[in-house]
Amino acid sequence: MGHTIGQRELRNDNADVMRRVAAGESFTVTRNGTPVADLVPHQPPPAPPRRTAAEVQAIFRRLPPMDSAAWRREREAEDEIFGPDDLGEPGGRR
């Protein structure tokens, strides 16, 4: 870790410390001489891997088959509780 600063110094000089962190410096913050936190520049998480269409198809093929009759029964049971979905005509007015 880069520099060590006390909690009081961080509080009193926070604007300067944050500028230095933004510039790439790192700090260990201490309270009564005991390290309590690391202040480091932000690093965005790595981008998720891009998959080809073939890889996505392979992932979907490993899923269990869909039971359309069970799905319809679940929808009908939910409609009894919440009422049917009334989406109206596509592009139409309600």
N, C-alpha and C. Protein backbone atom coordinates (compact mmCIF):
# COMPACT_ATOMS: atom_id res chain seq x y z
N MET A 1 0.87 -1.17 0.00
CA MET A 1 0.00 0.00 0.00
C MET A 1 0.90 1.21 0.00
N GLY A 2 0.43 2.31 -0.55
CA GLY A 2 1.21 3.53 -0.70
C GLY A 2 1.48 4.22 0.62
N HIS A 3 0.78 5.29 0.89
CA HIS A 3 1.00 6.14 2.05
C HIS A 3 0.09 5.72 3.20
N THR A 4 0.52 6.04 4.41
CA THR A 4 -0.30 5.82 5.59
C THR A 4 -0.72 7.18 6.13
N ILE A 5 -2.01 7.35 6.35
CA ILE A 5 -2.52 8.60 6.91
C ILE A 5 -3.49 8.27 8.04
N GLY A 6 -3.55 9.17 9.00
CA GLY A 6 -4.48 9.00 10.11
C GLY A 6 -5.88 9.46 9.72
N GLN A 7 -6.84 8.98 10.47
CA GLN A 7 -8.24 9.34 10.23
C GLN A 7 -8.41 10.86 10.28
N ARG A 8 -7.76 11.51 11.21
CA ARG A 8 -7.88 12.96 11.35
C ARG A 8 -7.32 13.66 10.11
N GLU A 9 -6.18 13.21 9.61
CA GLU A 9 -5.60 13.81 8.40
C GLU A 9 -6.54 13.62 7.21
N LEU A 10 -7.15 12.44 7.11
CA LEU A 10 -8.11 12.21 6.03
C LEU A 10 -9.28 13.17 6.14
N ARG A 11 -9.78 13.35 7.36
CA ARG A 11 -10.91 14.27 7.56
C ARG A 11 -10.52 15.70 7.22
N ASN A 12 -9.36 16.14 7.68
CA ASN A 12 -8.96 17.53 7.49
C ASN A 12 -8.52 17.84 6.06
N ASP A 13 -7.93 16.86 5.39
CA ASP A 13 -7.37 17.08 4.06
C ASP A 13 -8.05 16.22 3.00
N ASN A 14 -9.34 15.94 3.18
CA ASN A 14 -10.00 14.97 2.31
C ASN A 14 -9.97 15.37 0.84
N ALA A 15 -10.10 16.66 0.51
CA ALA A 15 -10.11 17.07 -0.90
C ALA A 15 -8.77 16.75 -1.54
N ASP A 16 -7.68 17.06 -0.85
CA ASP A 16 -6.34 16.78 -1.38
C ASP A 16 -6.12 15.27 -1.50
N VAL A 17 -6.52 14.53 -0.47
CA VAL A 17 -6.34 13.07 -0.49
C VAL A 17 -7.13 12.47 -1.66
N MET A 18 -8.36 12.92 -1.87
CA MET A 18 -9.17 12.37 -2.95
C MET A 18 -8.58 12.71 -4.32
N ARG A 19 -8.02 13.91 -4.47
CA ARG A 19 -7.33 14.26 -5.73
C ARG A 19 -6.15 13.32 -5.97
N ARG A 20 -5.42 13.03 -4.91
CA ARG A 20 -4.25 12.16 -5.05
C ARG A 20 -4.68 10.73 -5.38
N VAL A 21 -5.77 10.28 -4.78
CA VAL A 21 -6.28 8.94 -5.11
C VAL A 21 -6.72 8.91 -6.56
N ALA A 22 -7.43 9.95 -7.00
CA ALA A 22 -7.86 10.01 -8.40
C ALA A 22 -6.66 10.01 -9.34
N ALA A 23 -5.53 10.51 -8.87
CA ALA A 23 -4.31 10.53 -9.69
C ALA A 23 -3.55 9.20 -9.62
N GLY A 24 -4.05 8.24 -8.82
CA GLY A 24 -3.44 6.91 -8.79
C GLY A 24 -2.76 6.52 -7.51
N GLU A 25 -2.70 7.41 -6.52
CA GLU A 25 -2.05 7.05 -5.25
C GLU A 25 -2.99 6.22 -4.38
N SER A 26 -2.41 5.45 -3.47
CA SER A 26 -3.18 4.63 -2.54
C SER A 26 -2.79 5.01 -1.11
N PHE A 27 -3.73 4.84 -0.19
CA PHE A 27 -3.50 5.18 1.20
C PHE A 27 -4.03 4.07 2.11
N THR A 28 -3.35 3.90 3.23
CA THR A 28 -3.88 3.09 4.32
C THR A 28 -4.30 4.07 5.40
N VAL A 29 -5.57 4.03 5.79
CA VAL A 29 -6.09 4.94 6.80
C VAL A 29 -6.00 4.24 8.15
N THR A 30 -5.47 4.97 9.14
CA THR A 30 -5.33 4.39 10.47
C THR A 30 -6.18 5.15 11.48
N ARG A 31 -6.57 4.46 12.53
CA ARG A 31 -7.23 5.07 13.69
C ARG A 31 -6.44 4.63 14.91
N ASN A 32 -5.91 5.60 15.61
CA ASN A 32 -5.05 5.32 16.76
C ASN A 32 -3.90 4.40 16.39
N GLY A 33 -3.35 4.60 15.19
CA GLY A 33 -2.20 3.81 14.74
C GLY A 33 -2.54 2.45 14.18
N THR A 34 -3.80 2.05 14.20
CA THR A 34 -4.21 0.74 13.70
C THR A 34 -4.85 0.90 12.32
N PRO A 35 -4.37 0.18 11.32
CA PRO A 35 -4.97 0.28 9.98
C PRO A 35 -6.44 -0.15 10.01
N VAL A 36 -7.31 0.69 9.42
CA VAL A 36 -8.74 0.38 9.40
C VAL A 36 -9.32 0.35 8.00
N ALA A 37 -8.63 0.96 7.02
CA ALA A 37 -9.18 0.98 5.68
C ALA A 37 -8.08 1.24 4.66
N ASP A 38 -8.32 0.78 3.45
CA ASP A 38 -7.45 1.07 2.32
C ASP A 38 -8.22 1.96 1.37
N LEU A 39 -7.60 3.04 0.98
CA LEU A 39 -8.20 3.98 0.05
C LEU A 39 -7.41 3.86 -1.24
N VAL A 40 -8.05 3.29 -2.26
CA VAL A 40 -7.37 3.00 -3.52
C VAL A 40 -8.17 3.55 -4.69
N PRO A 41 -7.51 3.82 -5.82
CA PRO A 41 -8.25 4.28 -7.00
C PRO A 41 -9.29 3.25 -7.43
N HIS A 42 -10.41 3.76 -7.90
CA HIS A 42 -11.48 2.88 -8.36
C HIS A 42 -11.05 2.15 -9.62
N GLN A 43 -11.38 0.88 -9.70
CA GLN A 43 -11.13 0.09 -10.90
C GLN A 43 -12.46 -0.53 -11.33
N PRO A 44 -12.96 -0.15 -12.50
CA PRO A 44 -14.24 -0.71 -12.94
C PRO A 44 -14.10 -2.22 -13.13
N PRO A 45 -15.18 -2.95 -12.88
CA PRO A 45 -15.11 -4.40 -13.05
C PRO A 45 -14.86 -4.75 -14.51
N PRO A 46 -14.23 -5.88 -14.75
CA PRO A 46 -13.98 -6.26 -16.14
C PRO A 46 -15.30 -6.51 -16.86
N ALA A 47 -15.31 -6.25 -18.14
CA ALA A 47 -16.51 -6.47 -18.95
C ALA A 47 -16.80 -7.97 -19.01
N PRO A 48 -18.07 -8.34 -18.98
CA PRO A 48 -18.39 -9.77 -19.09
C PRO A 48 -17.92 -10.30 -20.44
N PRO A 49 -17.58 -11.57 -20.48
CA PRO A 49 -17.10 -12.11 -21.75
C PRO A 49 -18.20 -12.10 -22.80
N ARG A 50 -17.83 -11.78 -24.03
CA ARG A 50 -18.79 -11.81 -25.13
C ARG A 50 -18.93 -13.25 -25.59
N ARG A 51 -20.14 -13.67 -25.85
CA ARG A 51 -20.39 -15.05 -26.29
C ARG A 51 -20.86 -15.04 -27.74
N THR A 52 -20.48 -16.09 -28.43
CA THR A 52 -20.96 -16.25 -29.80
C THR A 52 -22.38 -16.80 -29.76
N ALA A 53 -23.07 -16.71 -30.88
CA ALA A 53 -24.43 -17.26 -30.95
C ALA A 53 -24.40 -18.76 -30.67
N ALA A 54 -23.39 -19.44 -31.14
CA ALA A 54 -23.29 -20.89 -30.91
C ALA A 54 -23.14 -21.19 -29.42
N GLU A 55 -22.36 -20.37 -28.70
CA GLU A 55 -22.20 -20.59 -27.26
C GLU A 55 -23.51 -20.36 -26.53
N VAL A 56 -24.25 -19.32 -26.92
CA VAL A 56 -25.54 -19.04 -26.28
C VAL A 56 -26.51 -20.18 -26.56
N GLN A 57 -26.53 -20.69 -27.78
CA GLN A 57 -27.41 -21.82 -28.11
C GLN A 57 -27.04 -23.04 -27.27
N ALA A 58 -25.75 -23.28 -27.07
CA ALA A 58 -25.32 -24.43 -26.27
C ALA A 58 -25.79 -24.28 -24.82
N ILE A 59 -25.75 -23.06 -24.29
CA ILE A 59 -26.23 -22.82 -22.93
C ILE A 59 -27.72 -23.12 -22.83
N PHE A 60 -28.49 -22.64 -23.81
CA PHE A 60 -29.94 -22.89 -23.79
C PHE A 60 -30.26 -24.37 -23.96
N ARG A 61 -29.47 -25.09 -24.72
CA ARG A 61 -29.72 -26.52 -24.91
C ARG A 61 -29.55 -27.30 -23.61
N ARG A 62 -28.75 -26.78 -22.70
CA ARG A 62 -28.53 -27.48 -21.42
C ARG A 62 -29.67 -27.23 -20.43
N LEU A 63 -30.57 -26.29 -20.72
CA LEU A 63 -31.70 -26.02 -19.83
C LEU A 63 -32.70 -27.16 -19.92
N PRO A 64 -33.44 -27.41 -18.85
CA PRO A 64 -34.46 -28.46 -18.91
C PRO A 64 -35.56 -28.06 -19.89
N PRO A 65 -36.24 -29.03 -20.49
CA PRO A 65 -37.31 -28.69 -21.43
C PRO A 65 -38.45 -27.98 -20.70
N MET A 66 -39.11 -27.11 -21.44
CA MET A 66 -40.23 -26.36 -20.87
C MET A 66 -41.49 -27.19 -20.94
N ASP A 67 -42.23 -27.22 -19.85
CA ASP A 67 -43.52 -27.91 -19.80
C ASP A 67 -44.60 -26.85 -20.05
N SER A 68 -45.04 -26.73 -21.31
CA SER A 68 -45.98 -25.67 -21.65
C SER A 68 -47.33 -25.85 -20.96
N ALA A 69 -47.74 -27.08 -20.71
CA ALA A 69 -49.01 -27.30 -20.01
C ALA A 69 -48.91 -26.80 -18.57
N ALA A 70 -47.79 -27.07 -17.91
CA ALA A 70 -47.60 -26.59 -16.53
C ALA A 70 -47.55 -25.06 -16.51
N TRP A 71 -46.89 -24.47 -17.50
CA TRP A 71 -46.80 -23.01 -17.58
C TRP A 71 -48.20 -22.41 -17.71
N ARG A 72 -49.04 -23.00 -18.59
CA ARG A 72 -50.39 -22.48 -18.78
C ARG A 72 -51.19 -22.63 -17.49
N ARG A 73 -51.06 -23.77 -16.78
CA ARG A 73 -51.79 -23.95 -15.51
C ARG A 73 -51.36 -22.88 -14.50
N GLU A 74 -50.07 -22.59 -14.42
CA GLU A 74 -49.58 -21.57 -13.50
C GLU A 74 -50.15 -20.20 -13.86
N ARG A 75 -50.17 -19.88 -15.15
CA ARG A 75 -50.72 -18.59 -15.59
C ARG A 75 -52.20 -18.49 -15.22
N GLU A 76 -52.96 -19.56 -15.45
CA GLU A 76 -54.39 -19.53 -15.14
C GLU A 76 -54.61 -19.37 -13.64
N ALA A 77 -53.78 -20.04 -12.82
CA ALA A 77 -53.90 -19.91 -11.36
C ALA A 77 -53.58 -18.48 -10.93
N GLU A 78 -52.58 -17.88 -11.55
CA GLU A 78 -52.24 -16.49 -11.22
C GLU A 78 -53.33 -15.53 -11.68
N ASP A 79 -53.94 -15.81 -12.83
CA ASP A 79 -55.03 -14.97 -13.31
C ASP A 79 -56.21 -14.99 -12.35
N GLU A 80 -56.44 -16.12 -11.68
CA GLU A 80 -57.52 -16.19 -10.70
C GLU A 80 -57.23 -15.27 -9.52
N ILE A 81 -55.96 -15.11 -9.18
CA ILE A 81 -55.60 -14.26 -8.04
C ILE A 81 -55.53 -12.80 -8.47
N PHE A 82 -54.81 -12.52 -9.56
CA PHE A 82 -54.52 -11.14 -9.95
C PHE A 82 -55.41 -10.60 -11.06
N GLY A 83 -56.18 -11.46 -11.68
CA GLY A 83 -56.99 -11.05 -12.81
C GLY A 83 -56.20 -11.23 -14.10
N PRO A 84 -56.91 -11.31 -15.22
CA PRO A 84 -56.21 -11.53 -16.49
C PRO A 84 -55.44 -10.30 -16.93
N ASP A 85 -54.42 -10.54 -17.73
CA ASP A 85 -53.66 -9.43 -18.32
C ASP A 85 -54.50 -8.86 -19.45
N ASP A 86 -54.77 -7.57 -19.38
CA ASP A 86 -55.52 -6.91 -20.44
C ASP A 86 -54.58 -5.95 -21.14
N LEU A 87 -53.89 -6.45 -22.17
CA LEU A 87 -52.91 -5.65 -22.84
C LEU A 87 -53.50 -4.86 -23.99
N GLY A 88 -54.73 -5.13 -24.36
CA GLY A 88 -55.37 -4.40 -25.45
C GLY A 88 -54.79 -4.81 -26.78
N GLU A 89 -55.18 -4.08 -27.79
CA GLU A 89 -54.69 -4.36 -29.14
C GLU A 89 -53.29 -3.81 -29.32
N PRO A 90 -52.42 -4.53 -30.02
CA PRO A 90 -51.09 -3.99 -30.27
C PRO A 90 -51.18 -2.69 -31.04
N GLY A 91 -50.54 -1.65 -30.52
CA GLY A 91 -50.56 -0.35 -31.18
C GLY A 91 -51.87 0.39 -31.02
N GLY A 92 -52.84 -0.24 -30.37
CA GLY A 92 -54.16 0.39 -30.22
C GLY A 92 -54.24 1.24 -28.97
N ARG A 93 -55.37 1.91 -28.85
CA ARG A 93 -55.59 2.75 -27.66
C ARG A 93 -56.40 1.97 -26.65
N ARG A 94 -56.25 2.36 -25.42
CA ARG A 94 -57.02 1.70 -24.36
C ARG A 94 -58.18 2.54 -23.94
